[in-house]
PDB file of all heavy atoms in Angstrom:
ATOM      1  N   LEU A   1     -46.379  65.246 -52.402  1.00  0.00           N
ATOM      2  CA  LEU A   1     -46.384  66.539 -51.721  1.00  0.00           C
ATOM      3  C   LEU A   1     -45.094  66.785 -50.929  1.00  0.00           C
ATOM      4  O   LEU A   1     -44.509  67.868 -51.053  1.00  0.00           O
ATOM      5  CB  LEU A   1     -47.619  66.676 -50.832  1.00  0.00           C
ATOM      6  CG  LEU A   1     -47.762  68.002 -50.089  1.00  0.00           C
ATOM      7  CD1 LEU A   1     -47.763  69.183 -51.049  1.00  0.00           C
ATOM      8  CD2 LEU A   1     -49.036  67.979 -49.247  1.00  0.00           C
ATOM      9  N   PRO A   2     -44.599  65.834 -50.125  1.00  0.00           N
ATOM     10  CA  PRO A   2     -43.328  66.088 -49.429  1.00  0.00           C
ATOM     11  C   PRO A   2     -42.168  66.357 -50.396  1.00  0.00           C
ATOM     12  O   PRO A   2     -41.327  67.219 -50.140  1.00  0.00           O
ATOM     13  CB  PRO A   2     -43.084  64.807 -48.621  1.00  0.00           C
ATOM     14  CG  PRO A   2     -44.437  64.214 -48.435  1.00  0.00           C
ATOM     15  CD  PRO A   2     -45.199  64.557 -49.697  1.00  0.00           C
ATOM     16  N   ALA A   3     -42.138  65.658 -51.523  1.00  0.00           N
ATOM     17  CA  ALA A   3     -41.091  65.898 -52.520  1.00  0.00           C
ATOM     18  C   ALA A   3     -41.232  67.294 -53.110  1.00  0.00           C
ATOM     19  O   ALA A   3     -40.235  68.013 -53.273  1.00  0.00           O
ATOM     20  CB  ALA A   3     -41.161  64.841 -53.623  1.00  0.00           C
ATOM     21  N   ALA A   4     -42.454  67.697 -53.427  1.00  0.00           N
ATOM     22  CA  ALA A   4     -42.689  69.034 -53.983  1.00  0.00           C
ATOM     23  C   ALA A   4     -42.235  70.112 -52.998  1.00  0.00           C
ATOM     24  O   ALA A   4     -41.630  71.111 -53.390  1.00  0.00           O
ATOM     25  CB  ALA A   4     -44.165  69.210 -54.327  1.00  0.00           C
ATOM     26  N   LYS A   5     -42.525  69.916 -51.729  1.00  0.00           N
ATOM     27  CA  LYS A   5     -42.096  70.885 -50.701  1.00  0.00           C
ATOM     28  C   LYS A   5     -40.575  70.973 -50.634  1.00  0.00           C
ATOM     29  O   LYS A   5     -40.021  72.066 -50.505  1.00  0.00           O
ATOM     30  CB  LYS A   5     -42.683  70.512 -49.348  1.00  0.00           C
ATOM     31  CG  LYS A   5     -44.169  70.777 -49.266  1.00  0.00           C
ATOM     32  CD  LYS A   5     -44.725  70.421 -47.902  1.00  0.00           C
ATOM     33  CE  LYS A   5     -46.209  70.772 -47.807  1.00  0.00           C
ATOM     34  NZ  LYS A   5     -46.760  70.472 -46.482  1.00  0.00           N
ATOM     35  N   LYS A   6     -39.890  69.840 -50.743  1.00  0.00           N
ATOM     36  CA  LYS A   6     -38.424  69.824 -50.733  1.00  0.00           C
ATOM     37  C   LYS A   6     -37.869  70.522 -51.975  1.00  0.00           C
ATOM     38  O   LYS A   6     -36.928  71.303 -51.891  1.00  0.00           O
ATOM     39  CB  LYS A   6     -37.934  68.368 -50.667  1.00  0.00           C
ATOM     40  CG  LYS A   6     -36.443  68.180 -50.777  1.00  0.00           C
ATOM     41  CD  LYS A   6     -35.732  68.616 -49.535  1.00  0.00           C
ATOM     42  CE  LYS A   6     -34.254  68.221 -49.617  1.00  0.00           C
ATOM     43  NZ  LYS A   6     -33.422  69.114 -48.828  1.00  0.00           N
ATOM     44  N   ILE A   7     -38.469  70.258 -53.116  1.00  0.00           N
ATOM     45  CA  ILE A   7     -38.029  70.878 -54.370  1.00  0.00           C
ATOM     46  C   ILE A   7     -38.152  72.400 -54.284  1.00  0.00           C
ATOM     47  O   ILE A   7     -37.226  73.136 -54.627  1.00  0.00           O
ATOM     48  CB  ILE A   7     -38.840  70.318 -55.562  1.00  0.00           C
ATOM     49  CG1 ILE A   7     -38.455  68.860 -55.807  1.00  0.00           C
ATOM     50  CG2 ILE A   7     -38.661  71.158 -56.821  1.00  0.00           C
ATOM     51  CD1 ILE A   7     -39.447  68.085 -56.650  1.00  0.00           C
ATOM     52  N   VAL A   8     -39.290  72.885 -53.792  1.00  0.00           N
ATOM     53  CA  VAL A   8     -39.515  74.332 -53.687  1.00  0.00           C
ATOM     54  C   VAL A   8     -38.598  74.938 -52.627  1.00  0.00           C
ATOM     55  O   VAL A   8     -37.996  75.992 -52.846  1.00  0.00           O
ATOM     56  CB  VAL A   8     -40.996  74.637 -53.393  1.00  0.00           C
ATOM     57  CG1 VAL A   8     -41.198  76.114 -53.090  1.00  0.00           C
ATOM     58  CG2 VAL A   8     -41.854  74.218 -54.584  1.00  0.00           C
ATOM     59  N   SER A   9     -38.467  74.288 -51.494  1.00  0.00           N
ATOM     60  CA  SER A   9     -37.599  74.787 -50.423  1.00  0.00           C
ATOM     61  C   SER A   9     -36.157  74.940 -50.910  1.00  0.00           C
ATOM     62  O   SER A   9     -35.512  75.969 -50.669  1.00  0.00           O
ATOM     63  CB  SER A   9     -37.665  73.829 -49.231  1.00  0.00           C
ATOM     64  OG  SER A   9     -36.718  74.165 -48.271  1.00  0.00           O
ATOM     65  N   ASP A  10     -35.655  73.930 -51.608  1.00  0.00           N
ATOM     66  CA  ASP A  10     -34.288  74.000 -52.133  1.00  0.00           C
ATOM     67  C   ASP A  10     -34.150  75.083 -53.198  1.00  0.00           C
ATOM     68  O   ASP A  10     -33.143  75.793 -53.251  1.00  0.00           O
ATOM     69  CB  ASP A  10     -33.858  72.643 -52.688  1.00  0.00           C
ATOM     70  CG  ASP A  10     -33.588  71.619 -51.591  1.00  0.00           C
ATOM     71  OD1 ASP A  10     -33.455  72.020 -50.410  1.00  0.00           O
ATOM     72  OD2 ASP A  10     -33.516  70.423 -51.913  1.00  0.00           O
ATOM     73  N   ARG A  11     -35.170  75.228 -54.041  1.00  0.00           N
ATOM     74  CA  ARG A  11     -35.129  76.283 -55.070  1.00  0.00           C
ATOM     75  C   ARG A  11     -35.086  77.656 -54.424  1.00  0.00           C
ATOM     76  O   ARG A  11     -34.282  78.507 -54.803  1.00  0.00           O
ATOM     77  CB  ARG A  11     -36.339  76.180 -56.004  1.00  0.00           C
ATOM     78  CG  ARG A  11     -36.371  77.287 -57.063  1.00  0.00           C
ATOM     79  CD  ARG A  11     -37.607  77.247 -57.921  1.00  0.00           C
ATOM     80  NE  ARG A  11     -38.848  77.388 -57.198  1.00  0.00           N
ATOM     81  CZ  ARG A  11     -39.323  78.560 -56.730  1.00  0.00           C
ATOM     82  NH1 ARG A  11     -38.638  79.681 -56.870  1.00  0.00           N
ATOM     83  NH2 ARG A  11     -40.486  78.597 -56.113  1.00  0.00           N
ATOM     84  N   LEU A  12     -35.929  77.883 -53.424  1.00  0.00           N
ATOM     85  CA  LEU A  12     -35.969  79.186 -52.755  1.00  0.00           C
ATOM     86  C   LEU A  12     -34.644  79.488 -52.063  1.00  0.00           C
ATOM     87  O   LEU A  12     -34.163  80.629 -52.082  1.00  0.00           O
ATOM     88  CB  LEU A  12     -37.129  79.242 -51.763  1.00  0.00           C
ATOM     89  CG  LEU A  12     -38.521  79.264 -52.384  1.00  0.00           C
ATOM     90  CD1 LEU A  12     -39.589  79.104 -51.307  1.00  0.00           C
ATOM     91  CD2 LEU A  12     -38.742  80.523 -53.196  1.00  0.00           C
ATOM     92  N   ARG A  13     -34.039  78.481 -51.451  1.00  0.00           N
ATOM     93  CA  ARG A  13     -32.748  78.674 -50.785  1.00  0.00           C
ATOM     94  C   ARG A  13     -31.678  79.050 -51.809  1.00  0.00           C
ATOM     95  O   ARG A  13     -30.878  79.952 -51.581  1.00  0.00           O
ATOM     96  CB  ARG A  13     -32.368  77.408 -50.015  1.00  0.00           C
ATOM     97  CG  ARG A  13     -31.166  77.589 -49.127  1.00  0.00           C
ATOM     98  CD  ARG A  13     -30.852  76.439 -48.173  1.00  0.00           C
ATOM     99  NE  ARG A  13     -31.200  75.096 -48.619  1.00  0.00           N
ATOM    100  CZ  ARG A  13     -32.270  74.425 -48.195  1.00  0.00           C
ATOM    101  NH1 ARG A  13     -33.107  74.955 -47.331  1.00  0.00           N
ATOM    102  NH2 ARG A  13     -32.504  73.196 -48.636  1.00  0.00           N
ATOM    103  N   LEU A  14     -31.686  78.396 -52.957  1.00  0.00           N
ATOM    104  CA  LEU A  14     -30.712  78.706 -54.009  1.00  0.00           C
ATOM    105  C   LEU A  14     -30.924  80.124 -54.542  1.00  0.00           C
ATOM    106  O   LEU A  14     -29.968  80.843 -54.809  1.00  0.00           O
ATOM    107  CB  LEU A  14     -30.814  77.694 -55.144  1.00  0.00           C
ATOM    108  CG  LEU A  14     -29.866  77.893 -56.325  1.00  0.00           C
ATOM    109  CD1 LEU A  14     -28.414  77.717 -55.880  1.00  0.00           C
ATOM    110  CD2 LEU A  14     -30.179  76.913 -57.438  1.00  0.00           C
ATOM    111  N   GLN A  15     -32.180  80.547 -54.671  1.00  0.00           N
ATOM    112  CA  GLN A  15     -32.493  81.870 -55.212  1.00  0.00           C
ATOM    113  C   GLN A  15     -32.151  82.994 -54.243  1.00  0.00           C
ATOM    114  O   GLN A  15     -32.020  84.147 -54.669  1.00  0.00           O
ATOM    115  CB  GLN A  15     -33.977  81.960 -55.571  1.00  0.00           C
ATOM    116  CG  GLN A  15     -34.312  81.209 -56.826  1.00  0.00           C
ATOM    117  CD  GLN A  15     -35.781  81.304 -57.157  1.00  0.00           C
ATOM    118  OE1 GLN A  15     -36.450  80.287 -57.182  1.00  0.00           O
ATOM    119  NE2 GLN A  15     -36.288  82.495 -57.389  1.00  0.00           N
ATOM    120  N   ASP A  16     -32.039  82.703 -52.973  1.00  0.00           N
ATOM    121  CA  ASP A  16     -31.648  83.698 -51.973  1.00  0.00           C
ATOM    122  C   ASP A  16     -32.540  84.942 -52.023  1.00  0.00           C
ATOM    123  O   ASP A  16     -32.055  86.066 -52.077  1.00  0.00           O
ATOM    124  CB  ASP A  16     -30.176  84.061 -52.153  1.00  0.00           C
ATOM    125  CG  ASP A  16     -29.599  84.783 -50.954  1.00  0.00           C
ATOM    126  OD1 ASP A  16     -30.095  84.598 -49.831  1.00  0.00           O
ATOM    127  OD2 ASP A  16     -28.637  85.565 -51.160  1.00  0.00           O
ATOM    128  N   HIS A  17     -33.855  84.742 -52.062  1.00  0.00           N
ATOM    129  CA  HIS A  17     -34.871  85.811 -52.023  1.00  0.00           C
ATOM    130  C   HIS A  17     -34.882  86.705 -53.266  1.00  0.00           C
ATOM    131  O   HIS A  17     -35.343  87.837 -53.215  1.00  0.00           O
ATOM    132  CB  HIS A  17     -34.727  86.668 -50.762  1.00  0.00           C
ATOM    133  CG  HIS A  17     -34.774  85.874 -49.508  1.00  0.00           C
ATOM    134  ND1 HIS A  17     -35.915  85.273 -49.049  1.00  0.00           N
ATOM    135  CD2 HIS A  17     -33.807  85.547 -48.628  1.00  0.00           C
ATOM    136  CE1 HIS A  17     -35.659  84.621 -47.937  1.00  0.00           C
ATOM    137  NE2 HIS A  17     -34.381  84.763 -47.657  1.00  0.00           N
ATOM    138  N   ILE A  18     -34.366  86.202 -54.367  1.00  0.00           N
ATOM    139  CA  ILE A  18     -34.363  86.956 -55.617  1.00  0.00           C
ATOM    140  C   ILE A  18     -35.340  86.291 -56.582  1.00  0.00           C
ATOM    141  O   ILE A  18     -35.255  85.092 -56.849  1.00  0.00           O
ATOM    142  CB  ILE A  18     -32.954  87.010 -56.250  1.00  0.00           C
ATOM    143  CG1 ILE A  18     -32.012  87.757 -55.300  1.00  0.00           C
ATOM    144  CG2 ILE A  18     -32.986  87.659 -57.621  1.00  0.00           C
ATOM    145  CD1 ILE A  18     -30.555  87.664 -55.689  1.00  0.00           C
ATOM    146  N   SER A  19     -36.290  87.060 -57.104  1.00  0.00           N
ATOM    147  CA  SER A  19     -37.278  86.544 -58.044  1.00  0.00           C
ATOM    148  C   SER A  19     -36.626  86.321 -59.408  1.00  0.00           C
ATOM    149  O   SER A  19     -35.916  87.198 -59.916  1.00  0.00           O
ATOM    150  CB  SER A  19     -38.434  87.543 -58.162  1.00  0.00           C
ATOM    151  OG  SER A  19     -39.421  87.044 -59.012  1.00  0.00           O
ATOM    152  N   LEU A  20     -36.871  85.149 -59.996  1.00  0.00           N
ATOM    153  CA  LEU A  20     -36.248  84.783 -61.266  1.00  0.00           C
ATOM    154  C   LEU A  20     -37.236  84.056 -62.168  1.00  0.00           C
ATOM    155  O   LEU A  20     -38.164  83.410 -61.683  1.00  0.00           O
ATOM    156  CB  LEU A  20     -35.075  83.813 -61.022  1.00  0.00           C
ATOM    157  CG  LEU A  20     -33.879  84.323 -60.252  1.00  0.00           C
ATOM    158  CD1 LEU A  20     -32.972  83.166 -59.862  1.00  0.00           C
ATOM    159  CD2 LEU A  20     -33.113  85.340 -61.077  1.00  0.00           C
ATOM    160  N   PRO A  21     -37.034  84.103 -63.482  1.00  0.00           N
ATOM    161  CA  PRO A  21     -37.755  83.197 -64.364  1.00  0.00           C
ATOM    162  C   PRO A  21     -37.183  81.791 -64.177  1.00  0.00           C
ATOM    163  O   PRO A  21     -35.987  81.630 -63.906  1.00  0.00           O
ATOM    164  CB  PRO A  21     -37.473  83.736 -65.770  1.00  0.00           C
ATOM    165  CG  PRO A  21     -36.354  84.693 -65.637  1.00  0.00           C
ATOM    166  CD  PRO A  21     -36.184  85.046 -64.209  1.00  0.00           C
ATOM    167  N   VAL A  22     -38.048  80.774 -64.312  1.00  0.00           N
ATOM    168  CA  VAL A  22     -37.625  79.403 -64.026  1.00  0.00           C
ATOM    169  C   VAL A  22     -37.966  78.480 -65.194  1.00  0.00           C
ATOM    170  O   VAL A  22     -39.104  78.454 -65.664  1.00  0.00           O
ATOM    171  CB  VAL A  22     -38.298  78.882 -62.732  1.00  0.00           C
ATOM    172  CG1 VAL A  22     -37.913  77.430 -62.470  1.00  0.00           C
ATOM    173  CG2 VAL A  22     -37.920  79.756 -61.540  1.00  0.00           C
ATOM    174  N   LEU A  23     -36.964  77.729 -65.630  1.00  0.00           N
ATOM    175  CA  LEU A  23     -37.154  76.686 -66.615  1.00  0.00           C
ATOM    176  C   LEU A  23     -37.220  75.358 -65.861  1.00  0.00           C
ATOM    177  O   LEU A  23     -36.308  75.041 -65.097  1.00  0.00           O
ATOM    178  CB  LEU A  23     -35.977  76.665 -67.603  1.00  0.00           C
ATOM    179  CG  LEU A  23     -36.066  75.611 -68.700  1.00  0.00           C
ATOM    180  CD1 LEU A  23     -35.526  76.184 -69.999  1.00  0.00           C
ATOM    181  CD2 LEU A  23     -35.329  74.351 -68.337  1.00  0.00           C
ATOM    182  N   CYS A  24     -38.311  74.626 -66.028  1.00  0.00           N
ATOM    183  CA  CYS A  24     -38.478  73.300 -65.401  1.00  0.00           C
ATOM    184  C   CYS A  24     -38.461  72.255 -66.491  1.00  0.00           C
ATOM    185  O   CYS A  24     -39.415  72.152 -67.252  1.00  0.00           O
ATOM    186  CB  CYS A  24     -39.795  73.217 -64.636  1.00  0.00           C
ATOM    187  SG  CYS A  24     -39.831  74.185 -63.145  1.00  0.00           S
ATOM    188  N   ASN A  25     -37.396  71.493 -66.555  1.00  0.00           N
ATOM    189  CA  ASN A  25     -37.311  70.434 -67.548  1.00  0.00           C
ATOM    190  C   ASN A  25     -37.776  69.135 -66.908  1.00  0.00           C
ATOM    191  O   ASN A  25     -37.104  68.585 -66.042  1.00  0.00           O
ATOM    192  CB  ASN A  25     -35.890  70.301 -68.080  1.00  0.00           C
ATOM    193  CG  ASN A  25     -35.817  69.390 -69.277  1.00  0.00           C
ATOM    194  OD1 ASN A  25     -36.435  68.335 -69.300  1.00  0.00           O
ATOM    195  ND2 ASN A  25     -35.054  69.804 -70.273  1.00  0.00           N
TER     196      ASN A  25
END
């Protein structure tokens, strides 16, 4: 769970409040 929260937090910061399609490999 802490790793998942970090992954999502970093993704949201990179996206800068812009909704995008996401490829998760």
